N, C-alpha and C. Protein backbone atom coordinates (compact mmCIF):
# COMPACT_ATOMS: atom_id res chain seq x y z
N MET A 1 21.34 98.07 115.56
CA MET A 1 20.87 96.84 116.19
C MET A 1 21.13 95.69 115.22
N SER A 2 21.74 94.62 115.72
CA SER A 2 22.05 93.50 114.85
C SER A 2 20.90 92.50 114.84
N GLU A 3 20.79 91.80 113.73
CA GLU A 3 19.76 90.79 113.57
C GLU A 3 20.13 89.52 114.33
N GLU A 4 19.15 88.81 114.83
CA GLU A 4 19.39 87.54 115.51
C GLU A 4 19.89 86.53 114.47
N PRO A 5 20.88 85.72 114.83
CA PRO A 5 21.36 84.71 113.88
C PRO A 5 20.30 83.64 113.61
N VAL A 6 20.37 83.08 112.42
CA VAL A 6 19.43 82.02 112.06
C VAL A 6 19.72 80.78 112.91
N LEU A 7 21.00 80.41 113.01
CA LEU A 7 21.44 79.28 113.82
C LEU A 7 22.51 79.76 114.78
N PRO A 8 22.80 78.99 115.82
CA PRO A 8 23.85 79.38 116.76
C PRO A 8 25.20 79.53 116.05
N GLU A 9 26.07 80.31 116.67
CA GLU A 9 27.42 80.49 116.14
C GLU A 9 28.08 79.13 115.95
N GLY A 10 28.75 78.98 114.82
CA GLY A 10 29.44 77.73 114.52
C GLY A 10 28.66 76.77 113.65
N PHE A 11 27.42 77.12 113.31
CA PHE A 11 26.58 76.23 112.51
C PHE A 11 26.09 76.89 111.23
N ALA A 12 26.78 77.91 110.78
CA ALA A 12 26.35 78.68 109.60
C ALA A 12 26.21 77.82 108.35
N GLU A 13 27.04 76.77 108.23
CA GLU A 13 26.96 75.95 107.01
C GLU A 13 25.65 75.18 106.91
N LEU A 14 24.90 75.10 108.01
CA LEU A 14 23.61 74.41 108.00
C LEU A 14 22.44 75.36 107.71
N GLU A 15 22.70 76.66 107.68
CA GLU A 15 21.63 77.64 107.48
C GLU A 15 20.83 77.46 106.20
N PRO A 16 21.42 77.02 105.07
CA PRO A 16 20.60 76.83 103.87
C PRO A 16 19.49 75.79 104.05
N PHE A 17 19.63 74.92 105.02
CA PHE A 17 18.63 73.87 105.24
C PHE A 17 17.45 74.34 106.10
N VAL A 18 17.60 75.46 106.78
CA VAL A 18 16.57 75.92 107.71
C VAL A 18 15.22 76.12 107.03
N PRO A 19 15.12 76.83 105.89
CA PRO A 19 13.79 77.04 105.30
C PRO A 19 13.09 75.74 104.90
N VAL A 20 13.85 74.72 104.57
CA VAL A 20 13.26 73.46 104.09
C VAL A 20 13.03 72.46 105.21
N TRP A 21 13.96 72.38 106.16
CA TRP A 21 13.96 71.28 107.12
C TRP A 21 13.69 71.66 108.57
N ALA A 22 13.67 72.93 108.94
CA ALA A 22 13.39 73.31 110.33
C ALA A 22 11.87 73.34 110.52
N LEU A 23 11.28 72.17 110.54
CA LEU A 23 9.83 72.01 110.58
C LEU A 23 9.38 71.59 111.97
N ARG A 24 8.28 72.17 112.43
CA ARG A 24 7.84 72.00 113.82
C ARG A 24 7.18 70.66 114.12
N SER A 25 6.54 70.05 113.16
CA SER A 25 5.79 68.83 113.50
C SER A 25 6.35 67.60 112.78
N GLU A 26 6.10 66.46 113.37
CA GLU A 26 6.50 65.19 112.77
C GLU A 26 5.81 65.02 111.42
N ALA A 27 4.55 65.39 111.34
CA ALA A 27 3.81 65.26 110.08
C ALA A 27 4.45 66.11 108.98
N GLU A 28 4.88 67.33 109.32
CA GLU A 28 5.54 68.19 108.33
C GLU A 28 6.88 67.59 107.88
N ARG A 29 7.64 67.06 108.84
CA ARG A 29 8.93 66.45 108.50
C ARG A 29 8.74 65.22 107.61
N ASN A 30 7.75 64.41 107.94
CA ASN A 30 7.45 63.22 107.15
C ASN A 30 7.04 63.61 105.73
N ALA A 31 6.17 64.59 105.62
CA ALA A 31 5.71 65.05 104.30
C ALA A 31 6.87 65.60 103.48
N ARG A 32 7.76 66.34 104.11
CA ARG A 32 8.92 66.90 103.41
C ARG A 32 9.82 65.77 102.89
N ARG A 33 10.05 64.76 103.71
CA ARG A 33 10.86 63.61 103.28
C ARG A 33 10.24 62.95 102.07
N LEU A 34 8.94 62.69 102.14
CA LEU A 34 8.26 62.01 101.04
C LEU A 34 8.25 62.84 99.76
N ALA A 35 8.22 64.16 99.89
CA ALA A 35 8.17 65.05 98.72
C ALA A 35 9.54 65.38 98.16
N SER A 36 10.60 64.97 98.83
CA SER A 36 11.96 65.33 98.42
C SER A 36 12.56 64.29 97.49
N ALA A 37 13.43 64.77 96.62
CA ALA A 37 14.23 63.86 95.79
C ALA A 37 15.27 63.19 96.70
N PHE A 38 15.60 61.95 96.39
CA PHE A 38 16.56 61.24 97.23
C PHE A 38 17.90 61.97 97.29
N ASP A 39 18.35 62.54 96.20
CA ASP A 39 19.62 63.27 96.21
C ASP A 39 19.58 64.44 97.19
N ASP A 40 18.44 65.12 97.29
CA ASP A 40 18.31 66.22 98.25
C ASP A 40 18.34 65.70 99.69
N LEU A 41 17.71 64.56 99.93
CA LEU A 41 17.77 63.94 101.25
C LEU A 41 19.22 63.63 101.61
N ARG A 42 19.95 63.10 100.65
CA ARG A 42 21.35 62.71 100.89
C ARG A 42 22.22 63.92 101.22
N VAL A 43 22.02 65.02 100.52
CA VAL A 43 22.79 66.24 100.79
C VAL A 43 22.52 66.73 102.21
N PHE A 44 21.25 66.78 102.59
CA PHE A 44 20.88 67.20 103.94
C PHE A 44 21.45 66.23 104.98
N TYR A 45 21.27 64.96 104.76
CA TYR A 45 21.76 63.93 105.67
C TYR A 45 23.27 64.05 105.88
N ASP A 46 24.01 64.15 104.80
CA ASP A 46 25.48 64.23 104.89
C ASP A 46 25.92 65.47 105.67
N ALA A 47 25.30 66.61 105.38
CA ALA A 47 25.67 67.85 106.07
C ALA A 47 25.37 67.77 107.56
N MET A 48 24.21 67.26 107.91
CA MET A 48 23.82 67.16 109.32
C MET A 48 24.63 66.10 110.05
N LEU A 49 24.87 64.97 109.41
CA LEU A 49 25.59 63.90 110.07
C LEU A 49 27.02 64.34 110.43
N ARG A 50 27.64 65.11 109.53
CA ARG A 50 28.99 65.61 109.81
C ARG A 50 29.03 66.45 111.08
N ARG A 51 27.95 67.12 111.40
CA ARG A 51 27.91 68.04 112.54
C ARG A 51 27.11 67.52 113.72
N LEU A 52 26.64 66.29 113.65
CA LEU A 52 25.71 65.78 114.67
C LEU A 52 26.29 65.81 116.08
N ASP A 53 27.54 65.42 116.25
CA ASP A 53 28.15 65.46 117.58
C ASP A 53 28.16 66.89 118.13
N ALA A 54 28.52 67.84 117.29
CA ALA A 54 28.56 69.24 117.72
C ALA A 54 27.15 69.76 118.01
N VAL A 55 26.18 69.36 117.20
CA VAL A 55 24.79 69.76 117.43
C VAL A 55 24.32 69.24 118.78
N ALA A 56 24.56 67.96 119.04
CA ALA A 56 24.12 67.35 120.30
C ALA A 56 24.81 68.00 121.49
N ALA A 57 26.10 68.25 121.38
CA ALA A 57 26.84 68.88 122.48
C ALA A 57 26.33 70.29 122.73
N HIS A 58 26.05 71.02 121.68
CA HIS A 58 25.56 72.39 121.85
C HIS A 58 24.17 72.39 122.49
N LEU A 59 23.27 71.58 121.99
CA LEU A 59 21.90 71.57 122.50
C LEU A 59 21.81 71.02 123.92
N ALA A 60 22.75 70.18 124.31
CA ALA A 60 22.74 69.61 125.66
C ALA A 60 22.91 70.68 126.74
N ARG A 61 23.36 71.84 126.37
CA ARG A 61 23.55 72.94 127.33
C ARG A 61 22.26 73.69 127.63
N PHE A 62 21.17 73.32 126.96
CA PHE A 62 19.92 74.07 127.07
C PHE A 62 18.78 73.18 127.55
N ASP A 63 17.77 73.81 128.13
CA ASP A 63 16.51 73.14 128.45
C ASP A 63 15.72 73.08 127.14
N LEU A 64 15.41 71.88 126.65
CA LEU A 64 14.72 71.76 125.37
C LEU A 64 13.35 72.42 125.37
N GLY A 65 12.76 72.61 126.52
CA GLY A 65 11.47 73.26 126.60
C GLY A 65 11.54 74.78 126.52
N ALA A 66 12.74 75.33 126.54
CA ALA A 66 12.90 76.79 126.53
C ALA A 66 14.09 77.19 125.66
N LEU A 67 14.17 76.64 124.47
CA LEU A 67 15.29 76.94 123.59
C LEU A 67 15.17 78.34 122.99
N PRO A 68 16.28 79.07 122.94
CA PRO A 68 16.28 80.33 122.17
C PRO A 68 16.03 79.98 120.69
N ASP A 69 15.54 80.93 119.91
CA ASP A 69 15.17 80.65 118.53
C ASP A 69 16.28 80.00 117.70
N PRO A 70 17.53 80.48 117.74
CA PRO A 70 18.56 79.80 116.93
C PRO A 70 18.75 78.33 117.33
N GLU A 71 18.72 78.06 118.61
CA GLU A 71 18.86 76.67 119.07
C GLU A 71 17.62 75.85 118.72
N ARG A 72 16.46 76.46 118.77
CA ARG A 72 15.23 75.75 118.39
C ARG A 72 15.30 75.33 116.93
N ARG A 73 15.78 76.21 116.07
CA ARG A 73 15.91 75.85 114.66
C ARG A 73 16.94 74.71 114.47
N LEU A 74 18.03 74.76 115.21
CA LEU A 74 19.03 73.70 115.14
C LEU A 74 18.43 72.37 115.62
N TYR A 75 17.65 72.41 116.68
CA TYR A 75 16.96 71.23 117.19
C TYR A 75 16.00 70.66 116.15
N LEU A 76 15.25 71.53 115.48
CA LEU A 76 14.32 71.07 114.45
C LEU A 76 15.06 70.43 113.28
N LEU A 77 16.23 70.97 112.94
CA LEU A 77 17.05 70.33 111.90
C LEU A 77 17.46 68.92 112.34
N ALA A 78 17.83 68.79 113.61
CA ALA A 78 18.23 67.47 114.13
C ALA A 78 17.05 66.50 114.08
N LEU A 79 15.86 66.96 114.40
CA LEU A 79 14.68 66.09 114.30
C LEU A 79 14.45 65.67 112.85
N SER A 80 14.66 66.59 111.92
CA SER A 80 14.50 66.23 110.51
C SER A 80 15.54 65.22 110.07
N LEU A 81 16.74 65.31 110.62
CA LEU A 81 17.75 64.30 110.31
C LEU A 81 17.25 62.92 110.73
N MET A 82 16.60 62.84 111.89
CA MET A 82 16.07 61.55 112.35
C MET A 82 14.99 61.04 111.41
N GLU A 83 14.26 61.93 110.80
CA GLU A 83 13.22 61.55 109.82
C GLU A 83 13.86 61.03 108.53
N VAL A 84 14.95 61.65 108.13
CA VAL A 84 15.59 61.35 106.86
C VAL A 84 16.52 60.14 106.94
N ALA A 85 17.11 59.90 108.10
CA ALA A 85 18.14 58.86 108.24
C ALA A 85 17.70 57.48 107.74
N PRO A 86 16.54 56.96 108.10
CA PRO A 86 16.18 55.63 107.58
C PRO A 86 16.04 55.61 106.06
N ALA A 87 15.57 56.70 105.48
CA ALA A 87 15.44 56.77 104.02
C ALA A 87 16.81 56.63 103.36
N VAL A 88 17.82 57.26 103.94
CA VAL A 88 19.17 57.23 103.37
C VAL A 88 19.89 55.94 103.74
N GLU A 89 19.85 55.58 105.02
CA GLU A 89 20.64 54.46 105.52
C GLU A 89 20.07 53.09 105.19
N ILE A 90 18.75 52.99 105.10
CA ILE A 90 18.12 51.67 104.94
C ILE A 90 17.42 51.51 103.59
N HIS A 91 16.57 52.48 103.25
CA HIS A 91 15.68 52.31 102.10
C HIS A 91 16.26 52.77 100.77
N GLY A 92 17.18 53.73 100.80
CA GLY A 92 17.72 54.27 99.55
C GLY A 92 16.68 54.98 98.71
N ALA A 93 15.64 55.47 99.39
CA ALA A 93 14.54 56.16 98.72
C ALA A 93 13.78 56.99 99.76
N PRO A 94 13.08 58.03 99.31
CA PRO A 94 12.32 58.85 100.26
C PRO A 94 11.23 58.06 101.01
N ASP A 95 10.64 57.07 100.36
CA ASP A 95 9.60 56.26 100.98
C ASP A 95 10.10 54.82 101.13
N VAL A 96 9.38 54.03 101.88
CA VAL A 96 9.75 52.63 102.08
C VAL A 96 9.31 51.85 100.83
N PRO A 97 10.27 51.27 100.11
CA PRO A 97 9.91 50.52 98.90
C PRO A 97 9.01 49.32 99.22
N ASP A 98 8.07 49.05 98.35
CA ASP A 98 7.19 47.87 98.45
C ASP A 98 6.41 47.82 99.76
N ALA A 99 6.05 48.97 100.26
CA ALA A 99 5.27 49.05 101.51
C ALA A 99 3.91 49.68 101.23
N ILE A 100 3.09 49.71 102.25
CA ILE A 100 1.79 50.39 102.15
C ILE A 100 2.05 51.85 101.83
N GLU A 101 1.20 52.44 101.02
CA GLU A 101 1.36 53.83 100.62
C GLU A 101 1.40 54.74 101.85
N ALA A 102 2.34 55.65 101.86
CA ALA A 102 2.50 56.57 102.99
C ALA A 102 1.24 57.38 103.23
N GLU A 103 0.49 57.68 102.20
CA GLU A 103 -0.72 58.49 102.34
C GLU A 103 -1.78 57.81 103.21
N ARG A 104 -1.66 56.51 103.40
CA ARG A 104 -2.63 55.79 104.22
C ARG A 104 -2.39 55.97 105.71
N PHE A 105 -1.23 56.49 106.08
CA PHE A 105 -0.88 56.69 107.48
C PHE A 105 -1.20 58.12 107.89
N VAL A 106 -1.72 58.28 109.07
CA VAL A 106 -1.98 59.61 109.63
C VAL A 106 -1.11 59.76 110.86
N ILE A 107 -0.27 60.78 110.84
CA ILE A 107 0.59 61.04 111.99
C ILE A 107 -0.13 61.97 112.93
N ARG A 108 -0.29 61.52 114.15
CA ARG A 108 -0.97 62.32 115.17
C ARG A 108 0.06 62.68 116.24
N SER A 109 0.15 63.95 116.51
CA SER A 109 1.07 64.43 117.55
C SER A 109 0.29 64.79 118.79
N PRO A 110 0.92 64.62 119.94
CA PRO A 110 0.20 64.95 121.19
C PRO A 110 -0.11 66.43 121.29
C-alpha cells in the first residue's frame, strides 16, 4: 500500500514548506510570519510565487469545502503566501515597521 502524497503531483518542490506554512488558521499564519526571519519569508514567497498560477489552476478543479488532504495542504500554503506577501512586497520585514505592536491585535476567525 502506498502512502498518500504530501502535496498533489507536480508540487513536490513545495513539500519542505508544508510543516512550517500549511497552517489552518489566520492567527497561526500571522504568528508564523511574525516569528520568521525575513530571509525565510522571502524563500517561501519566491517558491510559492513561482508556482502560484499552477496552484490556482489546480485548486480551481476542486470544491474548496471538500478538498482531498494533498490539495488542502496546497491551499493552506497559498493562504500563507497571502499572509507573507505584504511583508515581502511592501514592508521588507516580518512586521509592519513603525506600527502598533502586532501583539495588541487579536485575530478572530468565524
